[in-house]
Amino acid sequence: MLLALSKDYDFLKVLTEPDEEREYELSPEQENELDRRYKNFLKNPQNGKSWNEVKQTLLA
């Protein structure tokens, strides 16, 4: 199913071979940014929104 969807959507890539994973590794900057955001979330979990809140905003 995901493979079929990936043909229609550019943002979706299905990796079928282990070697393909190396092409999509995060850069050190991306890893640092994700770590920063995660630490911020752990310190301030109330600042986030639930999926239901985000979904309602997108559907409105």
PDB file of N, CA and C in Angstrom:
ATOM      1  N   MET A   1       0.824  -1.190   0.000  1.00  0.00           N
ATOM      2  CA  MET A   1       0.000   0.000   0.000  1.00  0.00           C
ATOM      3  C   MET A   1       0.876   1.264   0.000  1.00  0.00           C
ATOM      4  N   LEU A   2       1.893   1.297   0.878  1.00  0.00           N
ATOM      5  CA  LEU A   2       2.772   2.475   0.922  1.00  0.00           C
ATOM      6  C   LEU A   2       3.524   2.663  -0.381  1.00  0.00           C
ATOM      7  N   LEU A   3       3.940   1.574  -0.980  1.00  0.00           N
ATOM      8  CA  LEU A   3       4.649   1.666  -2.258  1.00  0.00           C
ATOM      9  C   LEU A   3       3.752   2.290  -3.317  1.00  0.00           C
ATOM     10  N   ALA A   4       2.491   1.906  -3.353  1.00  0.00           N
ATOM     11  CA  ALA A   4       1.539   2.481  -4.306  1.00  0.00           C
ATOM     12  C   ALA A   4       1.331   3.967  -4.031  1.00  0.00           C
ATOM     13  N   LEU A   5       1.213   4.331  -2.755  1.00  0.00           N
ATOM     14  CA  LEU A   5       1.040   5.748  -2.400  1.00  0.00           C
ATOM     15  C   LEU A   5       2.260   6.574  -2.772  1.00  0.00           C
ATOM     16  N   SER A   6       3.448   5.990  -2.628  1.00  0.00           N
ATOM     17  CA  SER A   6       4.672   6.746  -2.908  1.00  0.00           C
ATOM     18  C   SER A   6       4.782   7.150  -4.374  1.00  0.00           C
ATOM     19  N   LYS A   7       4.068   6.473  -5.238  1.00  0.00           N
ATOM     20  CA  LYS A   7       4.088   6.838  -6.658  1.00  0.00           C
ATOM     21  C   LYS A   7       3.290   8.110  -6.922  1.00  0.00           C
ATOM     22  N   ASP A   8       2.323   8.394  -6.043  1.00  0.00           N
ATOM     23  CA  ASP A   8       1.474   9.571  -6.212  1.00  0.00           C
ATOM     24  C   ASP A   8       1.934  10.780  -5.403  1.00  0.00           C
ATOM     25  N   TYR A   9       2.737  10.550  -4.368  1.00  0.00           N
ATOM     26  CA  TYR A   9       3.132  11.634  -3.471  1.00  0.00           C
ATOM     27  C   TYR A   9       4.651  11.735  -3.398  1.00  0.00           C
ATOM     28  N   ASP A  10       5.170  12.898  -3.782  1.00  0.00           N
ATOM     29  CA  ASP A  10       6.619  13.117  -3.792  1.00  0.00           C
ATOM     30  C   ASP A  10       7.240  13.049  -2.400  1.00  0.00           C
ATOM     31  N   PHE A  11       6.487  13.449  -1.373  1.00  0.00           N
ATOM     32  CA  PHE A  11       7.048  13.502  -0.029  1.00  0.00           C
ATOM     33  C   PHE A  11       7.195  12.128   0.611  1.00  0.00           C
ATOM     34  N   LEU A  12       6.643  11.092  -0.015  1.00  0.00           N
ATOM     35  CA  LEU A  12       6.695   9.756   0.539  1.00  0.00           C
ATOM     36  C   LEU A  12       7.681   8.901  -0.244  1.00  0.00           C
ATOM     37  N   LYS A  13       8.643   8.340   0.455  1.00  0.00           N
ATOM     38  CA  LYS A  13       9.653   7.490  -0.177  1.00  0.00           C
ATOM     39  C   LYS A  13       9.705   6.175   0.580  1.00  0.00           C
ATOM     40  N   VAL A  14       9.536   5.078  -0.130  1.00  0.00           N
ATOM     41  CA  VAL A  14       9.608   3.754   0.470  1.00  0.00           C
ATOM     42  C   VAL A  14      10.969   3.157   0.130  1.00  0.00           C
ATOM     43  N   LEU A  15      11.739   2.848   1.156  1.00  0.00           N
ATOM     44  CA  LEU A  15      13.060   2.262   0.964  1.00  0.00           C
ATOM     45  C   LEU A  15      12.917   0.742   0.953  1.00  0.00           C
ATOM     46  N   THR A  16      13.332   0.134  -0.140  1.00  0.00           N
ATOM     47  CA  THR A  16      13.171  -1.314  -0.271  1.00  0.00           C
ATOM     48  C   THR A  16      14.476  -2.068  -0.100  1.00  0.00           C
ATOM     49  N   GLU A  17      15.596  -1.379  -0.181  1.00  0.00           N
ATOM     50  CA  GLU A  17      16.906  -2.005  -0.035  1.00  0.00           C
ATOM     51  C   GLU A  17      17.655  -1.358   1.120  1.00  0.00           C
ATOM     52  N   PRO A  18      18.395  -2.144   1.902  1.00  0.00           N
ATOM     53  CA  PRO A  18      19.146  -1.565   3.033  1.00  0.00           C
ATOM     54  C   PRO A  18      20.106  -0.450   2.620  1.00  0.00           C
ATOM     55  N   ASP A  19      20.712  -0.552   1.449  1.00  0.00           N
ATOM     56  CA  ASP A  19      21.656   0.474   1.004  1.00  0.00           C
ATOM     57  C   ASP A  19      20.978   1.818   0.773  1.00  0.00           C
ATOM     58  N   GLU A  20      19.705   1.814   0.446  1.00  0.00           N
ATOM     59  CA  GLU A  20      18.984   3.062   0.193  1.00  0.00           C
ATOM     60  C   GLU A  20      18.879   3.914   1.454  1.00  0.00           C
ATOM     61  N   GLU A  21      18.904   3.292   2.630  1.00  0.00           N
ATOM     62  CA  GLU A  21      18.762   4.025   3.881  1.00  0.00           C
ATOM     63  C   GLU A  21      19.881   5.037   4.071  1.00  0.00           C
ATOM     64  N   ARG A  22      21.076   4.712   3.597  1.00  0.00           N
ATOM     65  CA  ARG A  22      22.209   5.624   3.759  1.00  0.00           C
ATOM     66  C   ARG A  22      21.988   6.940   3.032  1.00  0.00           C
ATOM     67  N   GLU A  23      21.250   6.906   1.937  1.00  0.00           N
ATOM     68  CA  GLU A  23      20.981   8.125   1.176  1.00  0.00           C
ATOM     69  C   GLU A  23      20.109   9.099   1.959  1.00  0.00           C
ATOM     70  N   TYR A  24      19.391   8.617   2.958  1.00  0.00           N
ATOM     71  CA  TYR A  24      18.415   9.443   3.659  1.00  0.00           C
ATOM     72  C   TYR A  24      18.744   9.625   5.130  1.00  0.00           C
ATOM     73  N   GLU A  25      20.014   9.551   5.487  1.00  0.00           N
ATOM     74  CA  GLU A  25      20.411   9.785   6.860  1.00  0.00           C
ATOM     75  C   GLU A  25      20.294  11.272   7.185  1.00  0.00           C
ATOM     76  N   LEU A  26      20.014  11.565   8.437  1.00  0.00           N
ATOM     77  CA  LEU A  26      19.929  12.951   8.874  1.00  0.00           C
ATOM     78  C   LEU A  26      21.315  13.556   8.970  1.00  0.00           C
ATOM     79  N   SER A  27      21.390  14.832   8.663  1.00  0.00           N
ATOM     80  CA  SER A  27      22.648  15.544   8.834  1.00  0.00           C
ATOM     81  C   SER A  27      22.838  15.819  10.329  1.00  0.00           C
ATOM     82  N   PRO A  28      24.061  16.118  10.749  1.00  0.00           N
ATOM     83  CA  PRO A  28      24.273  16.458  12.170  1.00  0.00           C
ATOM     84  C   PRO A  28      23.414  17.646  12.610  1.00  0.00           C
ATOM     85  N   GLU A  29      23.206  18.600  11.720  1.00  0.00           N
ATOM     86  CA  GLU A  29      22.373  19.760  12.054  1.00  0.00           C
ATOM     87  C   GLU A  29      20.926  19.341  12.289  1.00  0.00           C
ATOM     88  N   GLN A  30      20.435  18.439  11.453  1.00  0.00           N
ATOM     89  CA  GLN A  30      19.063  17.954  11.615  1.00  0.00           C
ATOM     90  C   GLN A  30      18.916  17.171  12.915  1.00  0.00           C
ATOM     91  N   GLU A  31      19.897  16.342  13.220  1.00  0.00           N
ATOM     92  CA  GLU A  31      19.860  15.580  14.471  1.00  0.00           C
ATOM     93  C   GLU A  31      19.879  16.512  15.675  1.00  0.00           C
ATOM     94  N   ASN A  32      20.720  17.550  15.624  1.00  0.00           N
ATOM     95  CA  ASN A  32      20.788  18.521  16.722  1.00  0.00           C
ATOM     96  C   ASN A  32      19.461  19.244  16.893  1.00  0.00           C
ATOM     97  N   GLU A  33      18.841  19.618  15.793  1.00  0.00           N
ATOM     98  CA  GLU A  33      17.559  20.320  15.869  1.00  0.00           C
ATOM     99  C   GLU A  33      16.477  19.415  16.456  1.00  0.00           C
ATOM    100  N   LEU A  34      16.445  18.165  16.051  1.00  0.00           N
ATOM    101  CA  LEU A  34      15.462  17.226  16.615  1.00  0.00           C
ATOM    102  C   LEU A  34      15.710  17.013  18.102  1.00  0.00           C
ATOM    103  N   ASP A  35      16.985  16.897  18.495  1.00  0.00           N
ATOM    104  CA  ASP A  35      17.318  16.763  19.916  1.00  0.00           C
ATOM    105  C   ASP A  35      16.868  17.996  20.695  1.00  0.00           C
ATOM    106  N   ARG A  36      17.103  19.177  20.141  1.00  0.00           N
ATOM    107  CA  ARG A  36      16.705  20.425  20.803  1.00  0.00           C
ATOM    108  C   ARG A  36      15.200  20.476  21.004  1.00  0.00           C
ATOM    109  N   ARG A  37      14.458  20.116  19.956  1.00  0.00           N
ATOM    110  CA  ARG A  37      12.994  20.142  20.037  1.00  0.00           C
ATOM    111  C   ARG A  37      12.471  19.116  21.041  1.00  0.00           C
ATOM    112  N   TYR A  38      13.092  17.937  21.068  1.00  0.00           N
ATOM    113  CA  TYR A  38      12.667  16.903  21.999  1.00  0.00           C
ATOM    114  C   TYR A  38      12.911  17.336  23.437  1.00  0.00           C
ATOM    115  N   LYS A  39      14.091  17.918  23.708  1.00  0.00           N
ATOM    116  CA  LYS A  39      14.392  18.400  25.059  1.00  0.00           C
ATOM    117  C   LYS A  39      13.417  19.495  25.468  1.00  0.00           C
ATOM    118  N   ASN A  40      13.080  20.375  24.535  1.00  0.00           N
ATOM    119  CA  ASN A  40      12.107  21.426  24.808  1.00  0.00           C
ATOM    120  C   ASN A  40      10.746  20.824  25.142  1.00  0.00           C
ATOM    121  N   PHE A  41      10.355  19.800  24.406  1.00  0.00           N
ATOM    122  CA  PHE A  41       9.089  19.131  24.683  1.00  0.00           C
ATOM    123  C   PHE A  41       9.094  18.513  26.082  1.00  0.00           C
ATOM    124  N   LEU A  42      10.207  17.858  26.462  1.00  0.00           N
ATOM    125  CA  LEU A  42      10.279  17.236  27.780  1.00  0.00           C
ATOM    126  C   LEU A  42      10.178  18.271  28.897  1.00  0.00           C
ATOM    127  N   LYS A  43      10.749  19.459  28.682  1.00  0.00           N
ATOM    128  CA  LYS A  43      10.694  20.518  29.690  1.00  0.00           C
ATOM    129  C   LYS A  43       9.335  21.204  29.723  1.00  0.00           C
ATOM    130  N   ASN A  44       8.659  21.282  28.572  1.00  0.00           N
ATOM    131  CA  ASN A  44       7.413  22.043  28.454  1.00  0.00           C
ATOM    132  C   ASN A  44       6.334  21.261  27.693  1.00  0.00           C
ATOM    133  N   PRO A  45       5.920  20.113  28.190  1.00  0.00           N
ATOM    134  CA  PRO A  45       4.951  19.306  27.430  1.00  0.00           C
ATOM    135  C   PRO A  45       3.605  20.002  27.250  1.00  0.00           C
ATOM    136  N   GLN A  46       3.279  20.942  28.116  1.00  0.00           N
ATOM    137  CA  GLN A  46       2.001  21.653  28.010  1.00  0.00           C
ATOM    138  C   GLN A  46       1.969  22.604  26.814  1.00  0.00           C
ATOM    139  N   ASN A  47       3.117  22.932  26.235  1.00  0.00           N
ATOM    140  CA  ASN A  47       3.161  23.862  25.108  1.00  0.00           C
ATOM    141  C   ASN A  47       2.728  23.226  23.791  1.00  0.00           C
ATOM    142  N   GLY A  48       2.679  21.922  23.748  1.00  0.00           N
ATOM    143  CA  GLY A  48       2.310  21.237  22.513  1.00  0.00           C
ATOM    144  C   GLY A  48       0.806  21.112  22.356  1.00  0.00           C
ATOM    145  N   LYS A  49       0.395  20.550  21.232  1.00  0.00           N
ATOM    146  CA  LYS A  49      -1.016  20.307  20.961  1.00  0.00           C
ATOM    147  C   LYS A  49      -1.211  18.825  20.681  1.00  0.00           C
ATOM    148  N   SER A  50      -2.368  18.327  21.039  1.00  0.00           N
ATOM    149  CA  SER A  50      -2.685  16.936  20.743  1.00  0.00           C
ATOM    150  C   SER A  50      -2.974  16.798  19.252  1.00  0.00           C
ATOM    151  N   TRP A  51      -2.905  15.564  18.772  1.00  0.00           N
ATOM    152  CA  TRP A  51      -3.220  15.311  17.362  1.00  0.00           C
ATOM    153  C   TRP A  51      -4.643  15.754  17.059  1.00  0.00           C
ATOM    154  N   ASN A  52      -5.571  15.537  17.969  1.00  0.00           N
ATOM    155  CA  ASN A  52      -6.963  15.948  17.723  1.00  0.00           C
ATOM    156  C   ASN A  52      -7.082  17.459  17.539  1.00  0.00           C
ATOM    157  N   GLU A  53      -6.325  18.233  18.326  1.00  0.00           N
ATOM    158  CA  GLU A  53      -6.343  19.693  18.165  1.00  0.00           C
ATOM    159  C   GLU A  53      -5.784  20.102  16.802  1.00  0.00           C
ATOM    160  N   VAL A  54      -4.675  19.510  16.411  1.00  0.00           N
ATOM    161  CA  VAL A  54      -4.056  19.821  15.124  1.00  0.00           C
ATOM    162  C   VAL A  54      -4.998  19.428  13.985  1.00  0.00           C
ATOM    163  N   LYS A  55      -5.580  18.260  14.098  1.00  0.00           N
ATOM    164  CA  LYS A  55      -6.495  17.761  13.069  1.00  0.00           C
ATOM    165  C   LYS A  55      -7.694  18.696  12.911  1.00  0.00           C
ATOM    166  N   GLN A  56      -8.271  19.118  14.006  1.00  0.00           N
ATOM    167  CA  GLN A  56      -9.411  20.024  13.928  1.00  0.00           C
ATOM    168  C   GLN A  56      -9.035  21.351  13.268  1.00  0.00           C
ATOM    169  N   THR A  57      -7.842  21.847  13.567  1.00  0.00           N
ATOM    170  CA  THR A  57      -7.375  23.084  12.955  1.00  0.00           C
ATOM    171  C   THR A  57      -7.230  22.908  11.445  1.00  0.00           C
ATOM    172  N   LEU A  58      -6.669  21.775  11.038  1.00  0.00           N
ATOM    173  CA  LEU A  58      -6.469  21.519   9.607  1.00  0.00           C
ATOM    174  C   LEU A  58      -7.786  21.328   8.873  1.00  0.00           C
ATOM    175  N   LEU A  59      -8.767  20.734   9.540  1.00  0.00           N
ATOM    176  CA  LEU A  59     -10.061  20.479   8.907  1.00  0.00           C
ATOM    177  C   LEU A  59     -10.963  21.708   8.862  1.00  0.00           C
ATOM    178  N   ALA A  60     -10.649  22.699   9.698  1.00  0.00           N
ATOM    179  CA  ALA A  60     -11.487  23.904   9.763  1.00  0.00           C
ATOM    180  C   ALA A  60     -11.308  24.788   8.551  1.00  0.00           C
TER     181      ALA A  60
END
